[in-house]
Amino acid sequence: MTTEPSLVELLFRQGRLAGAARYAFRAREQERGIRRLRAGAGRLWRGRLAFLPPTAHQWVRDRRFRRTWLTREMPPWFGPRLRRLWPGRLPDRDQTQRVWRDPRQGRLWEQLTDPRASCVVDYLDMGAARYGMESRLPFYDQTLVDLMLSLPEEALVGLDERRGIHKRAMTGLLPWSVIQRQQGVAFTSSHVHNAARVFPWLREVLLEDRWISGDYIDQKAARLLLDRLDPLHPADSQWLDWTALRDIVCLEIWMRRF
């Protein structure tokens, strides 16, 4: 039984990714005049931390990350056990000593090895399996990862658009409106409408007198969260509240089964 090649495999077979990388290098070399001055100033600002020694560069990034983590606002519906744990332990990071050519490669590796990504992958796999489907993550393709980690900083700064390597490699395969799109696509609307669709069930569970997850979730605060949401006109701007409401009820149902 033969399997169809993935999109990434086709891009490599047709030399599209290699061609896009070569284009990026040529664009960098062809910069002239004001364009070159503006591009150079932009690169200098974006890479300002790269002038620091690697240990100092990492210290600055860790300090920023820690400050952001510790100053997050605690959800008001947390129960006593979750309140005692807040703000929680910092996410684990790859502590292997590695030498990177530039900070961009180090950040890319951190994103690839972030343990939180495995939770997202498991969530996608379970959702797809429920409907008899197989989820695929082409950006985790080993060949593509090796290519992107091997590209130096100067291979990307010659491109004006975001994700320029990928977009140029898939020119002719994707609609032009997607190639020209500057902003990424968010799935917040799907999360909101999926939660709004089961709103009656969420409401029924939250309004019951029986509440097992009280150590983790304050039921009264969760009901206030419920009152703020309108299932007839769900707003994408409230997607965090909608996902929190769904997760609260899922925890309660899960604890009732054990």
Protein backbone atom coordinates (compact mmCIF):
# COMPACT_ATOMS: atom_id res chain seq x y z
CA MET A 1 0.00 0.00 0.00
CA THR A 2 1.51 3.31 -1.09
CA THR A 3 0.95 6.55 0.75
CA GLU A 4 0.69 9.97 -0.81
CA PRO A 5 3.72 12.19 -0.18
CA SER A 6 3.17 15.01 2.25
CA LEU A 7 3.19 18.63 1.16
CA VAL A 8 6.62 19.13 2.72
CA GLU A 9 8.00 16.15 0.78
CA LEU A 10 6.64 17.60 -2.46
CA LEU A 11 8.20 20.98 -1.69
CA PHE A 12 11.59 19.33 -1.21
CA ARG A 13 11.28 17.12 -4.28
CA GLN A 14 10.46 20.12 -6.46
CA GLY A 15 13.29 22.16 -4.95
CA ARG A 16 10.87 24.86 -3.83
CA LEU A 17 12.26 25.33 -0.31
CA ALA A 18 15.85 25.43 -1.51
CA GLY A 19 14.84 27.93 -4.19
CA ALA A 20 13.12 30.13 -1.62
CA ALA A 21 16.26 30.11 0.55
CA ARG A 22 18.42 31.09 -2.44
CA TYR A 23 16.00 33.91 -3.25
CA ALA A 24 16.30 35.22 0.31
CA PHE A 25 20.10 35.33 0.04
CA ARG A 26 19.92 37.15 -3.32
CA ALA A 27 17.42 39.66 -1.97
CA ARG A 28 19.81 40.44 0.86
CA GLU A 29 22.74 40.92 -1.52
CA GLN A 30 20.75 43.18 -3.87
CA GLU A 31 19.79 45.73 -1.23
CA ARG A 32 20.91 49.18 -2.26
CA GLY A 33 20.59 52.79 -1.13
CA ILE A 34 17.83 53.75 1.32
CA ARG A 35 16.41 50.22 1.29
CA ARG A 36 19.72 48.82 2.45
CA LEU A 37 20.04 51.50 5.14
CA ARG A 38 16.49 50.87 6.43
CA ALA A 39 16.94 47.11 6.33
CA GLY A 40 20.27 47.39 8.14
CA ALA A 41 18.76 49.57 10.85
CA GLY A 42 15.87 47.15 11.28
CA ARG A 43 18.23 44.19 11.58
CA LEU A 44 20.35 46.07 14.08
CA TRP A 45 17.32 46.79 16.27
CA ARG A 46 15.83 43.28 16.03
CA GLY A 47 19.18 41.70 16.78
CA ARG A 48 20.35 44.17 19.42
CA LEU A 49 20.55 41.47 22.10
CA ALA A 50 22.75 39.37 19.84
CA PHE A 51 25.67 41.72 20.61
CA LEU A 52 25.64 40.46 24.19
CA PRO A 53 27.63 37.38 25.21
CA PRO A 54 25.50 34.21 24.98
CA THR A 55 25.19 33.91 28.76
CA ALA A 56 24.09 37.54 29.13
CA HIS A 57 21.69 37.21 26.21
CA GLN A 58 20.07 34.19 27.85
CA TRP A 59 19.94 35.96 31.21
CA VAL A 60 18.06 38.92 29.71
CA ARG A 61 15.53 36.63 28.01
CA ASP A 62 15.04 34.51 31.13
CA ARG A 63 14.49 37.59 33.25
CA ARG A 64 11.84 38.93 30.87
CA PHE A 65 10.10 35.56 30.74
CA ARG A 66 10.14 35.19 34.52
CA ARG A 67 8.74 38.70 35.06
CA THR A 68 5.90 38.05 32.61
CA TRP A 69 5.16 34.69 34.22
CA LEU A 70 5.07 36.03 37.78
CA THR A 71 2.93 39.08 37.01
CA ARG A 72 0.08 37.15 35.36
CA GLU A 73 -3.34 37.77 36.89
CA MET A 74 -4.76 34.80 38.77
CA PRO A 75 -8.18 33.64 37.47
CA PRO A 76 -10.88 34.57 40.02
CA TRP A 77 -12.52 31.12 39.78
CA PHE A 78 -9.47 29.30 41.19
CA GLY A 79 -10.23 27.17 44.23
CA PRO A 80 -8.07 27.04 47.38
CA ARG A 81 -5.67 24.34 46.11
CA LEU A 82 -4.97 26.15 42.84
CA ARG A 83 -4.58 29.47 44.68
CA ARG A 84 -1.85 27.94 46.84
CA LEU A 85 -0.02 26.73 43.73
CA TRP A 86 -0.24 30.04 41.85
CA PRO A 87 1.70 31.22 39.84
CA GLY A 88 3.10 27.71 39.42
CA ARG A 89 6.46 26.41 38.36
CA LEU A 90 8.06 27.90 35.28
CA PRO A 91 7.73 25.62 32.22
CA ASP A 92 10.59 23.18 31.76
CA ARG A 93 13.11 24.13 29.11
CA ASP A 94 15.81 22.24 27.33
CA GLN A 95 18.88 22.66 29.55
CA THR A 96 21.30 20.93 27.16
CA GLN A 97 24.29 23.13 26.48
CA ARG A 98 24.20 24.05 22.80
CA VAL A 99 26.01 26.61 20.68
CA TRP A 100 23.85 28.51 18.20
CA ARG A 101 25.00 30.60 15.29
CA ASP A 102 22.49 33.32 16.17
CA PRO A 103 19.71 33.88 18.75
CA ARG A 104 16.99 33.11 16.19
CA GLN A 105 18.11 29.48 15.98
CA GLY A 106 18.09 29.19 19.76
CA ARG A 107 14.54 30.58 19.98
CA LEU A 108 13.36 28.22 17.26
CA TRP A 109 14.81 25.25 19.12
CA GLU A 110 13.09 26.35 22.35
CA GLN A 111 9.75 26.49 20.55
CA LEU A 112 10.26 23.03 19.05
CA THR A 113 11.23 21.44 22.38
CA ASP A 114 8.75 23.31 24.60
CA PRO A 115 6.93 20.60 26.62
CA ARG A 116 3.71 22.58 26.36
CA ALA A 117 3.67 21.82 22.63
CA SER A 118 3.17 18.12 23.38
CA CYS A 119 -0.09 18.97 25.17
CA VAL A 120 -1.35 20.73 22.04
CA VAL A 121 -0.32 17.78 19.85
CA ASP A 122 -2.14 15.32 22.15
CA TYR A 123 -5.23 17.52 22.09
CA LEU A 124 -5.22 17.57 18.27
CA ASP A 125 -4.66 13.82 18.02
CA MET A 126 -7.54 13.03 20.37
CA GLY A 127 -9.89 15.39 18.57
CA ALA A 128 -9.01 13.97 15.15
CA ALA A 129 -9.21 10.34 16.32
CA ARG A 130 -12.70 10.91 17.67
CA TYR A 131 -13.90 11.60 14.13
CA GLY A 132 -11.78 8.92 12.46
CA MET A 133 -9.20 11.35 11.13
CA GLU A 134 -5.43 11.67 11.37
CA SER A 135 -3.87 14.99 12.34
CA ARG A 136 -0.62 16.03 10.70
CA LEU A 137 1.86 18.72 11.70
CA PRO A 138 3.96 19.53 8.62
CA PHE A 139 6.06 22.13 10.43
CA TYR A 140 7.42 19.34 12.65
CA ASP A 141 8.75 17.47 9.63
CA GLN A 142 12.35 16.47 10.41
CA THR A 143 13.71 17.62 7.04
CA LEU A 144 12.02 21.00 7.30
CA VAL A 145 13.24 21.48 10.89
CA ASP A 146 16.81 20.65 9.84
CA LEU A 147 16.61 23.16 6.99
CA MET A 148 15.24 26.02 9.11
CA LEU A 149 17.76 25.42 11.89
CA SER A 150 20.60 25.47 9.36
CA LEU A 151 19.64 28.82 7.81
CA PRO A 152 21.62 31.77 9.18
CA GLU A 153 20.02 35.04 10.16
CA GLU A 154 20.97 36.72 6.89
CA ALA A 155 18.87 34.20 4.94
CA LEU A 156 15.69 35.64 6.44
CA VAL A 157 16.31 39.35 6.72
CA GLY A 158 16.21 39.77 2.94
CA LEU A 159 12.49 38.99 2.96
CA ASP A 160 9.96 41.67 3.86
CA GLU A 161 6.98 39.42 4.52
CA ARG A 162 6.50 37.18 7.53
CA ARG A 163 7.24 33.49 6.91
CA GLY A 164 8.75 34.54 3.61
CA ILE A 165 10.59 31.25 3.01
CA HIS A 166 7.43 29.19 3.33
CA LYS A 167 5.27 31.55 1.30
CA ARG A 168 7.72 31.76 -1.59
CA ALA A 169 8.17 27.99 -1.61
CA MET A 170 4.40 27.48 -1.92
CA THR A 171 3.74 30.18 -4.53
CA GLY A 172 1.40 28.64 -7.07
CA LEU A 173 0.16 26.03 -4.60
CA LEU A 174 -1.67 28.41 -2.27
CA PRO A 175 -4.21 31.13 -3.15
CA TRP A 176 -2.61 34.51 -3.70
CA SER A 177 -4.65 35.98 -0.85
CA VAL A 178 -2.94 33.53 1.54
CA ILE A 179 0.52 34.32 0.15
CA GLN A 180 -0.09 38.05 0.66
CA ARG A 181 -1.64 37.71 4.12
CA GLN A 182 0.39 39.51 6.79
CA GLN A 183 -1.42 38.22 9.87
CA GLY A 184 -1.64 34.63 11.02
CA VAL A 185 -4.90 32.72 11.25
CA ALA A 186 -6.33 32.28 14.73
CA PHE A 187 -8.70 29.51 15.76
CA THR A 188 -10.28 31.50 18.57
CA SER A 189 -13.60 31.71 16.73
CA SER A 190 -13.79 27.91 16.52
CA HIS A 191 -13.12 27.55 20.25
CA VAL A 192 -15.80 30.13 21.06
CA HIS A 193 -18.51 28.66 18.85
CA ASN A 194 -17.77 25.09 19.91
CA ALA A 195 -18.17 26.07 23.57
CA ALA A 196 -21.28 28.16 22.82
CA ARG A 197 -22.84 25.19 21.05
CA VAL A 198 -22.75 23.13 24.27
CA PHE A 199 -23.66 26.08 26.51
CA PRO A 200 -26.88 24.45 27.84
CA TRP A 201 -24.87 21.47 29.05
CA LEU A 202 -22.21 23.71 30.62
CA ARG A 203 -24.90 25.72 32.37
CA GLU A 204 -26.66 22.61 33.64
CA VAL A 205 -23.50 21.25 35.27
CA LEU A 206 -22.54 24.58 36.85
CA LEU A 207 -25.97 25.19 38.37
CA GLU A 208 -26.22 21.77 40.01
CA ASP A 209 -25.92 21.61 43.80
CA ARG A 210 -23.43 18.78 43.48
CA TRP A 211 -19.89 20.14 43.07
CA ILE A 212 -16.92 17.81 43.56
CA SER A 213 -14.11 20.00 42.25
CA GLY A 214 -14.49 22.65 44.94
CA ASP A 215 -10.86 22.29 46.02
CA TYR A 216 -9.81 23.42 42.54
CA ILE A 217 -12.70 25.53 41.23
CA ASP A 218 -14.79 28.11 43.08
CA GLN A 219 -18.30 27.28 41.88
CA LYS A 220 -19.74 30.73 42.66
CA ALA A 221 -17.00 32.48 40.71
CA ALA A 222 -17.47 30.02 37.85
CA ARG A 223 -21.18 30.87 37.80
CA LEU A 224 -20.31 34.57 37.52
CA LEU A 225 -18.15 33.66 34.54
CA LEU A 226 -21.15 31.84 33.08
CA ASP A 227 -23.37 34.92 33.50
CA ARG A 228 -20.93 37.11 31.54
CA LEU A 229 -21.17 34.99 28.39
CA ASP A 230 -23.90 35.26 25.77
CA PRO A 231 -24.40 31.98 23.84
CA LEU A 232 -26.62 33.68 21.25
CA HIS A 233 -23.96 36.24 20.33
CA PRO A 234 -20.61 34.70 21.32
CA ALA A 235 -17.76 37.19 21.00
CA ASP A 236 -14.33 36.11 19.83
CA SER A 237 -12.82 38.65 22.23
CA GLN A 238 -14.05 36.44 25.10
CA TRP A 239 -12.42 33.28 23.84
CA LEU A 240 -10.35 32.86 27.02
CA ASP A 241 -13.52 32.97 29.12
CA TRP A 242 -15.25 30.46 26.85
CA THR A 243 -12.36 28.00 26.94
CA ALA A 244 -12.03 28.44 30.72
CA LEU A 245 -15.74 27.69 31.17
CA ARG A 246 -15.46 24.56 29.06
CA ASP A 247 -12.36 23.38 30.92
CA ILE A 248 -14.00 23.99 34.32
CA VAL A 249 -16.96 21.78 33.44
CA CYS A 250 -14.70 19.11 31.91
CA LEU A 251 -12.72 18.96 35.17
CA GLU A 252 -15.91 18.60 37.20
CA ILE A 253 -17.23 15.81 34.98
CA TRP A 254 -13.87 14.03 35.04
CA MET A 255 -13.73 14.12 38.86
CA ARG A 256 -17.26 12.76 39.14
CA ARG A 257 -16.18 9.62 37.31
CA PHE A 258 -13.47 8.75 39.83
